Amino acid sequence: GWFRQAPGKAREGVAGMASDGRTNYADSVKGRFAISKDN
């Protein structure tokens, strides 16, 4: 997955990907960010 941390804020999960390719995104980035992999 990907996480981010802005100054003064807690670390926030951005996107996750399971081994089978399933993905999940934080509401704040849905539709704008995409997680992918190249095995």
Full PDB file with SEQRES, HELIX, SHEET, SSBOND, CRYST1, ORIGX, SCALE, CONECT and MASTER records, all heavy atoms in Angstrom:
SEQRES   1 A   39  GLY TRP PHE ARG GLN ALA PRO GLY LYS ALA ARG GLU GLY          
SEQRES   2 A   39  VAL ALA GLY MET ALA SER ASP GLY ARG THR ASN TYR ALA          
SEQRES   3 A   39  ASP SER VAL LYS GLY ARG PHE ALA ILE SER LYS ASP ASN          
SHEET    1 AA1 3 TRP A   2  ARG A   4  0                                        
SHEET    2 AA1 3 GLU A  12  MET A  17 -1                                        
SHEET    3 AA1 3 THR A  23  TYR A  25 -1                                        
CRYST1    1.000    1.000    1.000  90.00  90.00  90.00 P 1           1          
ORIGX1      1.000000  0.000000  0.000000        0.00000                         
ORIGX2      0.000000  1.000000  0.000000        0.00000                         
ORIGX3      0.000000  0.000000  1.000000        0.00000                         
SCALE1      1.000000  0.000000  0.000000        0.00000                         
SCALE2      0.000000  1.000000  0.000000        0.00000                         
SCALE3      0.000000  0.000000  1.000000        0.00000                         
ATOM      1  N   GLY A   1       0.807  -1.202   0.000  1.00  0.00           N  
ATOM      2  CA  GLY A   1       0.000   0.000   0.000  1.00  0.00           C  
ATOM      3  C   GLY A   1       0.845   1.258   0.000  1.00  0.00           C  
ATOM      4  O   GLY A   1       2.076   1.212   0.021  1.00  0.00           O  
ATOM      5  N   TRP A   2       0.154   2.364  -0.046  1.00  0.00           N  
ATOM      6  CA  TRP A   2       0.771   3.672   0.025  1.00  0.00           C  
ATOM      7  C   TRP A   2       0.151   4.465   1.167  1.00  0.00           C  
ATOM      8  O   TRP A   2      -1.075   4.445   1.353  1.00  0.00           O  
ATOM      9  CB  TRP A   2       0.581   4.453  -1.278  1.00  0.00           C  
ATOM     10  CG  TRP A   2       1.355   3.911  -2.438  1.00  0.00           C  
ATOM     11  CD1 TRP A   2       0.922   3.031  -3.378  1.00  0.00           C  
ATOM     12  CD2 TRP A   2       2.706   4.230  -2.777  1.00  0.00           C  
ATOM     13  NE1 TRP A   2       1.908   2.776  -4.287  1.00  0.00           N  
ATOM     14  CE2 TRP A   2       3.009   3.493  -3.951  1.00  0.00           C  
ATOM     15  CE3 TRP A   2       3.674   5.059  -2.217  1.00  0.00           C  
ATOM     16  CZ2 TRP A   2       4.267   3.576  -4.568  1.00  0.00           C  
ATOM     17  CZ3 TRP A   2       4.922   5.135  -2.827  1.00  0.00           C  
ATOM     18  CH2 TRP A   2       5.199   4.402  -3.984  1.00  0.00           C  
ATOM     19  N   PHE A   3       0.994   5.143   1.906  1.00  0.00           N  
ATOM     20  CA  PHE A   3       0.571   6.008   2.990  1.00  0.00           C  
ATOM     21  C   PHE A   3       1.169   7.385   2.786  1.00  0.00           C  
ATOM     22  O   PHE A   3       2.113   7.565   2.010  1.00  0.00           O  
ATOM     23  CB  PHE A   3       1.022   5.444   4.348  1.00  0.00           C  
ATOM     24  CG  PHE A   3       0.306   4.193   4.756  1.00  0.00           C  
ATOM     25  CD1 PHE A   3       0.586   2.978   4.152  1.00  0.00           C  
ATOM     26  CD2 PHE A   3      -0.660   4.233   5.756  1.00  0.00           C  
ATOM     27  CE1 PHE A   3      -0.073   1.827   4.530  1.00  0.00           C  
ATOM     28  CE2 PHE A   3      -1.327   3.080   6.145  1.00  0.00           C  
ATOM     29  CZ  PHE A   3      -1.032   1.882   5.529  1.00  0.00           C  
ATOM     30  N   ARG A   4       0.632   8.356   3.481  1.00  0.00           N  
ATOM     31  CA  ARG A   4       1.198   9.695   3.427  1.00  0.00           C  
ATOM     32  C   ARG A   4       1.059  10.369   4.778  1.00  0.00           C  
ATOM     33  O   ARG A   4       0.183  10.029   5.572  1.00  0.00           O  
ATOM     34  CB  ARG A   4       0.529  10.539   2.336  1.00  0.00           C  
ATOM     35  CG  ARG A   4      -0.936  10.864   2.595  1.00  0.00           C  
ATOM     36  CD  ARG A   4      -1.540  11.556   1.388  1.00  0.00           C  
ATOM     37  NE  ARG A   4      -2.926  11.940   1.609  1.00  0.00           N  
ATOM     38  CZ  ARG A   4      -3.714  12.439   0.676  1.00  0.00           C  
ATOM     39  NH1 ARG A   4      -3.250  12.622  -0.559  1.00  0.00           N  
ATOM     40  NH2 ARG A   4      -4.972  12.763   0.964  1.00  0.00           N  
ATOM     41  N   GLN A   5       1.944  11.330   5.008  1.00  0.00           N  
ATOM     42  CA  GLN A   5       1.899  12.081   6.247  1.00  0.00           C  
ATOM     43  C   GLN A   5       2.249  13.531   5.967  1.00  0.00           C  
ATOM     44  O   GLN A   5       3.339  13.830   5.474  1.00  0.00           O  
ATOM     45  CB  GLN A   5       2.853  11.496   7.286  1.00  0.00           C  
ATOM     46  CG  GLN A   5       2.705  12.125   8.661  1.00  0.00           C  
ATOM     47  CD  GLN A   5       3.394  11.317   9.739  1.00  0.00           C  
ATOM     48  OE1 GLN A   5       4.300  10.542   9.467  1.00  0.00           O  
ATOM     49  NE2 GLN A   5       2.955  11.495  10.972  1.00  0.00           N  
ATOM     50  N   ALA A   6       1.319  14.396   6.275  1.00  0.00           N  
ATOM     51  CA  ALA A   6       1.524  15.825   6.131  1.00  0.00           C  
ATOM     52  C   ALA A   6       1.939  16.408   7.474  1.00  0.00           C  
ATOM     53  O   ALA A   6       1.637  15.837   8.524  1.00  0.00           O  
ATOM     54  CB  ALA A   6       0.248  16.501   5.634  1.00  0.00           C  
ATOM     55  N   PRO A   7       2.634  17.548   7.474  1.00  0.00           N  
ATOM     56  CA  PRO A   7       3.044  18.166   8.733  1.00  0.00           C  
ATOM     57  C   PRO A   7       1.860  18.402   9.657  1.00  0.00           C  
ATOM     58  O   PRO A   7       0.826  18.927   9.242  1.00  0.00           O  
ATOM     59  CB  PRO A   7       3.671  19.485   8.287  1.00  0.00           C  
ATOM     60  CG  PRO A   7       4.150  19.220   6.901  1.00  0.00           C  
ATOM     61  CD  PRO A   7       3.123  18.300   6.302  1.00  0.00           C  
ATOM     62  N   GLY A   8       2.011  17.986  10.902  1.00  0.00           N  
ATOM     63  CA  GLY A   8       0.966  18.179  11.881  1.00  0.00           C  
ATOM     64  C   GLY A   8      -0.177  17.192  11.810  1.00  0.00           C  
ATOM     65  O   GLY A   8      -1.143  17.322  12.569  1.00  0.00           O  
ATOM     66  N   LYS A   9      -0.089  16.224  10.915  1.00  0.00           N  
ATOM     67  CA  LYS A   9      -1.153  15.241  10.769  1.00  0.00           C  
ATOM     68  C   LYS A   9      -0.624  13.831  10.963  1.00  0.00           C  
ATOM     69  O   LYS A   9       0.565  13.570  10.792  1.00  0.00           O  
ATOM     70  CB  LYS A   9      -1.818  15.358   9.400  1.00  0.00           C  
ATOM     71  CG  LYS A   9      -2.605  16.635   9.187  1.00  0.00           C  
ATOM     72  CD  LYS A   9      -3.409  16.574   7.902  1.00  0.00           C  
ATOM     73  CE  LYS A   9      -4.293  17.786   7.747  1.00  0.00           C  
ATOM     74  NZ  LYS A   9      -5.130  17.702   6.524  1.00  0.00           N  
ATOM     75  N   ALA A  10      -1.523  12.927  11.314  1.00  0.00           N  
ATOM     76  CA  ALA A  10      -1.160  11.531  11.467  1.00  0.00           C  
ATOM     77  C   ALA A  10      -0.949  10.883  10.108  1.00  0.00           C  
ATOM     78  O   ALA A  10      -1.439  11.364   9.082  1.00  0.00           O  
ATOM     79  CB  ALA A  10      -2.247  10.796  12.236  1.00  0.00           C  
ATOM     80  N   ARG A  11      -0.209   9.783  10.112  1.00  0.00           N  
ATOM     81  CA  ARG A  11      -0.014   9.041   8.883  1.00  0.00           C  
ATOM     82  C   ARG A  11      -1.351   8.496   8.395  1.00  0.00           C  
ATOM     83  O   ARG A  11      -2.131   7.934   9.164  1.00  0.00           O  
ATOM     84  CB  ARG A  11       0.982   7.909   9.101  1.00  0.00           C  
ATOM     85  CG  ARG A  11       1.353   7.170   7.821  1.00  0.00           C  
ATOM     86  CD  ARG A  11       2.585   6.299   8.020  1.00  0.00           C  
ATOM     87  NE  ARG A  11       3.762   7.102   8.320  1.00  0.00           N  
ATOM     88  CZ  ARG A  11       4.996   6.608   8.430  1.00  0.00           C  
ATOM     89  NH1 ARG A  11       5.210   5.311   8.264  1.00  0.00           N  
ATOM     90  NH2 ARG A  11       6.010   7.408   8.718  1.00  0.00           N  
ATOM     91  N   GLU A  12      -1.595   8.669   7.112  1.00  0.00           N  
ATOM     92  CA  GLU A  12      -2.876   8.351   6.516  1.00  0.00           C  
ATOM     93  C   GLU A  12      -2.709   7.308   5.426  1.00  0.00           C  
ATOM     94  O   GLU A  12      -1.855   7.451   4.548  1.00  0.00           O  
ATOM     95  CB  GLU A  12      -3.502   9.622   5.933  1.00  0.00           C  
ATOM     96  CG  GLU A  12      -4.765   9.416   5.127  1.00  0.00           C  
ATOM     97  CD  GLU A  12      -5.186  10.655   4.372  1.00  0.00           C  
ATOM     98  OE1 GLU A  12      -4.321  11.506   4.079  1.00  0.00           O  
ATOM     99  OE2 GLU A  12      -6.394  10.787   4.084  1.00  0.00           O  
ATOM    100  N   GLY A  13      -3.525   6.277   5.463  1.00  0.00           N  
ATOM    101  CA  GLY A  13      -3.521   5.300   4.399  1.00  0.00           C  
ATOM    102  C   GLY A  13      -4.147   5.872   3.144  1.00  0.00           C  
ATOM    103  O   GLY A  13      -5.228   6.462   3.194  1.00  0.00           O  
ATOM    104  N   VAL A  14      -3.487   5.695   2.022  1.00  0.00           N  
ATOM    105  CA  VAL A  14      -3.938   6.238   0.750  1.00  0.00           C  
ATOM    106  C   VAL A  14      -4.543   5.159  -0.133  1.00  0.00           C  
ATOM    107  O   VAL A  14      -5.645   5.322  -0.670  1.00  0.00           O  
ATOM    108  CB  VAL A  14      -2.787   6.943   0.017  1.00  0.00           C  
ATOM    109  CG1 VAL A  14      -3.228   7.392  -1.375  1.00  0.00           C  
ATOM    110  CG2 VAL A  14      -2.284   8.124   0.827  1.00  0.00           C  
ATOM    111  N   ALA A  15      -3.827   4.069  -0.307  1.00  0.00           N  
ATOM    112  CA  ALA A  15      -4.281   2.999  -1.183  1.00  0.00           C  
ATOM    113  C   ALA A  15      -3.654   1.689  -0.761  1.00  0.00           C  
ATOM    114  O   ALA A  15      -2.520   1.660  -0.284  1.00  0.00           O  
ATOM    115  CB  ALA A  15      -3.925   3.298  -2.643  1.00  0.00           C  
ATOM    116  N   GLY A  16      -4.382   0.607  -0.935  1.00  0.00           N  
ATOM    117  CA  GLY A  16      -3.876  -0.712  -0.631  1.00  0.00           C  
ATOM    118  C   GLY A  16      -4.183  -1.677  -1.752  1.00  0.00           C  
ATOM    119  O   GLY A  16      -5.145  -1.497  -2.495  1.00  0.00           O  
ATOM    120  N   MET A  17      -3.351  -2.693  -1.879  1.00  0.00           N  
ATOM    121  CA  MET A  17      -3.542  -3.719  -2.897  1.00  0.00           C  
ATOM    122  C   MET A  17      -3.234  -5.087  -2.312  1.00  0.00           C  
ATOM    123  O   MET A  17      -2.152  -5.316  -1.776  1.00  0.00           O  
ATOM    124  CB  MET A  17      -2.664  -3.466  -4.115  1.00  0.00           C  
ATOM    125  CG  MET A  17      -2.732  -4.588  -5.155  1.00  0.00           C  
ATOM    126  SD  MET A  17      -1.748  -4.261  -6.642  1.00  0.00           S  
ATOM    127  CE  MET A  17      -2.880  -3.169  -7.517  1.00  0.00           C  
ATOM    128  N   ALA A  18      -4.184  -6.001  -2.429  1.00  0.00           N  
ATOM    129  CA  ALA A  18      -3.986  -7.373  -2.011  1.00  0.00           C  
ATOM    130  C   ALA A  18      -3.180  -8.124  -3.066  1.00  0.00           C  
ATOM    131  O   ALA A  18      -2.998  -7.657  -4.190  1.00  0.00           O  
ATOM    132  CB  ALA A  18      -5.330  -8.064  -1.792  1.00  0.00           C  
ATOM    133  N   SER A  19      -2.704  -9.304  -2.691  1.00  0.00           N  
ATOM    134  CA  SER A  19      -1.901 -10.093  -3.612  1.00  0.00           C  
ATOM    135  C   SER A  19      -2.675 -10.505  -4.854  1.00  0.00           C  
ATOM    136  O   SER A  19      -2.071 -10.738  -5.907  1.00  0.00           O  
ATOM    137  CB  SER A  19      -1.341 -11.327  -2.906  1.00  0.00           C  
ATOM    138  OG  SER A  19      -2.388 -12.155  -2.414  1.00  0.00           O  
ATOM    139  N   ASP A  20      -4.000 -10.592  -4.744  1.00  0.00           N  
ATOM    140  CA  ASP A  20      -4.813 -10.970  -5.891  1.00  0.00           C  
ATOM    141  C   ASP A  20      -5.229  -9.780  -6.743  1.00  0.00           C  
ATOM    142  O   ASP A  20      -5.990  -9.941  -7.696  1.00  0.00           O  
ATOM    143  CB  ASP A  20      -6.048 -11.757  -5.448  1.00  0.00           C  
ATOM    144  CG  ASP A  20      -6.978 -10.965  -4.544  1.00  0.00           C  
ATOM    145  OD1 ASP A  20      -6.723  -9.769  -4.311  1.00  0.00           O  
ATOM    146  OD2 ASP A  20      -7.961 -11.552  -4.065  1.00  0.00           O  
ATOM    147  N   GLY A  21      -4.742  -8.593  -6.413  1.00  0.00           N  
ATOM    148  CA  GLY A  21      -5.013  -7.419  -7.208  1.00  0.00           C  
ATOM    149  C   GLY A  21      -6.151  -6.548  -6.729  1.00  0.00           C  
ATOM    150  O   GLY A  21      -6.368  -5.467  -7.297  1.00  0.00           O  
ATOM    151  N   ARG A  22      -6.877  -6.986  -5.733  1.00  0.00           N  
ATOM    152  CA  ARG A  22      -7.941  -6.143  -5.188  1.00  0.00           C  
ATOM    153  C   ARG A  22      -7.352  -4.874  -4.601  1.00  0.00           C  
ATOM    154  O   ARG A  22      -6.272  -4.896  -4.016  1.00  0.00           O  
ATOM    155  CB  ARG A  22      -8.740  -6.887  -4.125  1.00  0.00           C  
ATOM    156  CG  ARG A  22      -9.622  -8.005  -4.667  1.00  0.00           C  
ATOM    157  CD  ARG A  22     -10.332  -8.720  -3.538  1.00  0.00           C  
ATOM    158  NE  ARG A  22      -9.394  -9.446  -2.700  1.00  0.00           N  
ATOM    159  CZ  ARG A  22      -9.681  -9.933  -1.505  1.00  0.00           C  
ATOM    160  NH1 ARG A  22     -10.902  -9.776  -0.995  1.00  0.00           N  
ATOM    161  NH2 ARG A  22      -8.759 -10.601  -0.817  1.00  0.00           N  
ATOM    162  N   THR A  23      -8.065  -3.779  -4.740  1.00  0.00           N  
ATOM    163  CA  THR A  23      -7.575  -2.487  -4.285  1.00  0.00           C  
ATOM    164  C   THR A  23      -8.593  -1.788  -3.407  1.00  0.00           C  
ATOM    165  O   THR A  23      -9.792  -2.055  -3.477  1.00  0.00           O  
ATOM    166  CB  THR A  23      -7.228  -1.575  -5.472  1.00  0.00           C  
ATOM    167  OG1 THR A  23      -8.393  -1.378  -6.283  1.00  0.00           O  
ATOM    168  CG2 THR A  23      -6.128  -2.193  -6.320  1.00  0.00           C  
ATOM    169  N   ASN A  24      -8.087  -0.878  -2.598  1.00  0.00           N  
ATOM    170  CA  ASN A  24      -8.933  -0.036  -1.786  1.00  0.00           C  
ATOM    171  C   ASN A  24      -8.262   1.327  -1.665  1.00  0.00           C  
ATOM    172  O   ASN A  24      -7.033   1.408  -1.619  1.00  0.00           O  
ATOM    173  CB  ASN A  24      -9.162  -0.633  -0.403  1.00  0.00           C  
ATOM    174  CG  ASN A  24     -10.258   0.073   0.355  1.00  0.00           C  
ATOM    175  OD1 ASN A  24     -11.250   0.510  -0.229  1.00  0.00           O  
ATOM    176  ND2 ASN A  24     -10.098   0.191   1.673  1.00  0.00           N  
ATOM    177  N   TYR A  25      -9.072   2.377  -1.599  1.00  0.00           N  
ATOM    178  CA  TYR A  25      -8.557   3.728  -1.568  1.00  0.00           C  
ATOM    179  C   TYR A  25      -9.218   4.535  -0.471  1.00  0.00           C  
ATOM    180  O   TYR A  25     -10.381   4.317  -0.127  1.00  0.00           O  
ATOM    181  CB  TYR A  25      -8.813   4.443  -2.898  1.00  0.00           C  
ATOM    182  CG  TYR A  25      -8.141   3.811  -4.082  1.00  0.00           C  
ATOM    183  CD1 TYR A  25      -8.783   2.831  -4.829  1.00  0.00           C  
ATOM    184  CD2 TYR A  25      -6.860   4.199  -4.462  1.00  0.00           C  
ATOM    185  CE1 TYR A  25      -8.165   2.248  -5.922  1.00  0.00           C  
ATOM    186  CE2 TYR A  25      -6.237   3.624  -5.551  1.00  0.00           C  
ATOM    187  CZ  TYR A  25      -6.894   2.650  -6.278  1.00  0.00           C  
ATOM    188  OH  TYR A  25      -6.274   2.077  -7.369  1.00  0.00           O  
ATOM    189  N   ALA A  26      -8.464   5.477   0.052  1.00  0.00           N  
ATOM    190  CA  ALA A  26      -9.051   6.453   0.943  1.00  0.00           C  
ATOM    191  C   ALA A  26     -10.064   7.291   0.173  1.00  0.00           C  
ATOM    192  O   ALA A  26      -9.882   7.567  -1.017  1.00  0.00           O  
ATOM    193  CB  ALA A  26      -7.968   7.354   1.539  1.00  0.00           C  
ATOM    194  N   ASP A  27     -11.123   7.681   0.852  1.00  0.00           N  
ATOM    195  CA  ASP A  27     -12.155   8.468   0.190  1.00  0.00           C  
ATOM    196  C   ASP A  27     -11.598   9.742  -0.436  1.00  0.00           C  
ATOM    197  O   ASP A  27     -12.071  10.189  -1.484  1.00  0.00           O  
ATOM    198  CB  ASP A  27     -13.264   8.826   1.180  1.00  0.00           C  
ATOM    199  CG  ASP A  27     -14.115   7.638   1.565  1.00  0.00           C  
ATOM    200  OD1 ASP A  27     -14.117   6.631   0.834  1.00  0.00           O  
ATOM    201  OD2 ASP A  27     -14.791   7.719   2.611  1.00  0.00           O  
ATOM    202  N   SER A  28     -10.597  10.312   0.186  1.00  0.00           N  
ATOM    203  CA  SER A  28     -10.054  11.578  -0.277  1.00  0.00           C  
ATOM    204  C   SER A  28      -9.345  11.483  -1.628  1.00  0.00           C  
ATOM    205  O   SER A  28      -9.131  12.507  -2.279  1.00  0.00           O  
ATOM    206  CB  SER A  28      -9.090  12.151   0.765  1.00  0.00           C  
ATOM    207  OG  SER A  28      -8.021  11.262   1.009  1.00  0.00           O  
ATOM    208  N   VAL A  29      -8.982  10.279  -2.048  1.00  0.00           N  
ATOM    209  CA  VAL A  29      -8.241  10.132  -3.301  1.00  0.00           C  
ATOM    210  C   VAL A  29      -8.971   9.282  -4.332  1.00  0.00           C  
ATOM    211  O   VAL A  29      -8.477   9.138  -5.462  1.00  0.00           O  
ATOM    212  CB  VAL A  29      -6.832   9.546  -3.069  1.00  0.00           C  
ATOM    213  CG1 VAL A  29      -6.079  10.362  -2.028  1.00  0.00           C  
ATOM    214  CG2 VAL A  29      -6.910   8.082  -2.650  1.00  0.00           C  
ATOM    215  N   LYS A  30     -10.119   8.743  -3.989  1.00  0.00           N  
ATOM    216  CA  LYS A  30     -10.861   7.910  -4.931  1.00  0.00           C  
ATOM    217  C   LYS A  30     -11.183   8.684  -6.201  1.00  0.00           C  
ATOM    218  O   LYS A  30     -11.624   9.827  -6.155  1.00  0.00           O  
ATOM    219  CB  LYS A  30     -12.148   7.398  -4.290  1.00  0.00           C  
ATOM    220  CG  LYS A  30     -11.939   6.279  -3.298  1.00  0.00           C  
ATOM    221  CD  LYS A  30     -13.260   5.786  -2.719  1.00  0.00           C  
ATOM    222  CE  LYS A  30     -13.038   4.637  -1.758  1.00  0.00           C  
ATOM    223  NZ  LYS A  30     -14.301   4.183  -1.137  1.00  0.00           N  
ATOM    224  N   GLY A  31     -10.945   8.040  -7.322  1.00  0.00           N  
ATOM    225  CA  GLY A  31     -11.185   8.672  -8.604  1.00  0.00           C  
ATOM    226  C   GLY A  31     -10.025   9.486  -9.120  1.00  0.00           C  
ATOM    227  O   GLY A  31     -10.033   9.888 -10.290  1.00  0.00           O  
ATOM    228  N   ARG A  32      -9.032   9.737  -8.275  1.00  0.00           N  
ATOM    229  CA  ARG A  32      -7.879  10.537  -8.679  1.00  0.00           C  
ATOM    230  C   ARG A  32      -6.576   9.741  -8.645  1.00  0.00           C  
ATOM    231  O   ARG A  32      -5.698   9.956  -9.472  1.00  0.00           O  
ATOM    232  CB  ARG A  32      -7.728  11.760  -7.775  1.00  0.00           C  
ATOM    233  CG  ARG A  32      -8.925  12.693  -7.807  1.00  0.00           C  
ATOM    234  CD  ARG A  32      -8.629  13.990  -7.065  1.00  0.00           C  
ATOM    235  NE  ARG A  32      -8.345  13.752  -5.647  1.00  0.00           N  
ATOM    236  CZ  ARG A  32      -7.186  14.028  -5.058  1.00  0.00           C  
ATOM    237  NH1 ARG A  32      -6.190  14.565  -5.756  1.00  0.00           N  
ATOM    238  NH2 ARG A  32      -7.016  13.795  -3.759  1.00  0.00           N  
ATOM    239  N   PHE A  33      -6.453   8.836  -7.683  1.00  0.00           N  
ATOM    240  CA  PHE A  33      -5.241   8.038  -7.533  1.00  0.00           C  
ATOM    241  C   PHE A  33      -5.509   6.607  -7.963  1.00  0.00           C  
ATOM    242  O   PHE A  33      -6.638   6.108  -7.858  1.00  0.00           O  
ATOM    243  CB  PHE A  33      -4.770   8.018  -6.081  1.00  0.00           C  
ATOM    244  CG  PHE A  33      -4.213   9.314  -5.567  1.00  0.00           C  
ATOM    245  CD1 PHE A  33      -4.357  10.502  -6.272  1.00  0.00           C  
ATOM    246  CD2 PHE A  33      -3.540   9.338  -4.361  1.00  0.00           C  
ATOM    247  CE1 PHE A  33      -3.847  11.691  -5.788  1.00  0.00           C  
ATOM    248  CE2 PHE A  33      -3.020  10.519  -3.866  1.00  0.00           C  
ATOM    249  CZ  PHE A  33      -3.172  11.695  -4.575  1.00  0.00           C  
ATOM    250  N   ALA A  34      -4.476   5.927  -8.410  1.00  0.00           N  
ATOM    251  CA  ALA A  34      -4.585   4.525  -8.785  1.00  0.00           C  
ATOM    252  C   ALA A  34      -3.323   3.777  -8.379  1.00  0.00           C  
ATOM    253  O   ALA A  34      -2.213   4.189  -8.721  1.00  0.00           O  
ATOM    254  CB  ALA A  34      -4.816   4.378 -10.285  1.00  0.00           C  
ATOM    255  N   ILE A  35      -3.510   2.700  -7.640  1.00  0.00           N  
ATOM    256  CA  ILE A  35      -2.400   1.844  -7.257  1.00  0.00           C  
ATOM    257  C   ILE A  35      -2.311   0.702  -8.266  1.00  0.00           C  
ATOM    258  O   ILE A  35      -3.323   0.155  -8.702  1.00  0.00           O  
ATOM    259  CB  ILE A  35      -2.577   1.317  -5.816  1.00  0.00           C  
ATOM    260  CG1 ILE A  35      -1.342   0.537  -5.358  1.00  0.00           C  
ATOM    261  CG2 ILE A  35      -3.840   0.479  -5.685  1.00  0.00           C  
ATOM    262  CD1 ILE A  35      -1.383   0.165  -3.873  1.00  0.00           C  
ATOM    263  N   SER A  36      -1.108   0.351  -8.645  1.00  0.00           N  
ATOM    264  CA  SER A  36      -0.902  -0.724  -9.602  1.00  0.00           C  
ATOM    265  C   SER A  36       0.456  -1.354  -9.353  1.00  0.00           C  
ATOM    266  O   SER A  36       1.250  -0.850  -8.552  1.00  0.00           O  
ATOM    267  CB  SER A  36      -1.001  -0.216 -11.045  1.00  0.00           C  
ATOM    268  OG  SER A  36       0.005   0.742 -11.321  1.00  0.00           O  
ATOM    269  N   LYS A  37       0.726  -2.449 -10.034  1.00  0.00           N  
ATOM    270  CA  LYS A  37       2.010  -3.114  -9.881  1.00  0.00           C  
ATOM    271  C   LYS A  37       2.466  -3.718 -11.193  1.00  0.00           C  
ATOM    272  O   LYS A  37       1.664  -4.013 -12.077  1.00  0.00           O  
ATOM    273  CB  LYS A  37       1.943  -4.196  -8.806  1.00  0.00           C  
ATOM    274  CG  LYS A  37       0.969  -5.327  -9.123  1.00  0.00           C  
ATOM    275  CD  LYS A  37       0.939  -6.361  -8.012  1.00  0.00           C  
ATOM    276  CE  LYS A  37      -0.056  -7.476  -8.319  1.00  0.00           C  
ATOM    277  NZ  LYS A  37      -0.085  -8.490  -7.240  1.00  0.00           N  
ATOM    278  N   ASP A  38       3.756  -3.886 -11.297  1.00  0.00           N  
ATOM    279  CA  ASP A  38       4.380  -4.572 -12.417  1.00  0.00           C  
ATOM    280  C   ASP A  38       5.224  -5.676 -11.804  1.00  0.00           C  
ATOM    281  O   ASP A  38       6.311  -5.423 -11.289  1.00  0.00           O  
ATOM    282  CB  ASP A  38       5.234  -3.609 -13.241  1.00  0.00           C  
ATOM    283  CG  ASP A  38       5.809  -4.259 -14.486  1.00  0.00           C  
ATOM    284  OD1 ASP A  38       6.027  -5.479 -14.506  1.00  0.00           O  
ATOM    285  OD2 ASP A  38       6.054  -3.522 -15.474  1.00  0.00           O  
ATOM    286  N   ASN A  39       4.707  -6.882 -11.842  1.00  0.00           N  
ATOM    287  CA  ASN A  39       5.405  -7.995 -11.203  1.00  0.00           C  
ATOM    288  C   ASN A  39       6.769  -8.260 -11.834  1.00  0.00           C  
ATOM    289  O   ASN A  39       7.722  -8.627 -11.141  1.00  0.00           O  
ATOM    290  CB  ASN A  39       4.553  -9.263 -11.267  1.00  0.00           C  
ATOM    291  CG  ASN A  39       3.340  -9.196 -10.367  1.00  0.00           C  
ATOM    292  OD1 ASN A  39       3.340  -8.502  -9.356  1.00  0.00           O  
ATOM    293  ND2 ASN A  39       2.299  -9.930 -10.723  1.00  0.00           N  
TER     294      ASN A  39                                                      
MASTER        0    0    0    0    3    0    0    6  293    1    0    3          
END                                                                             
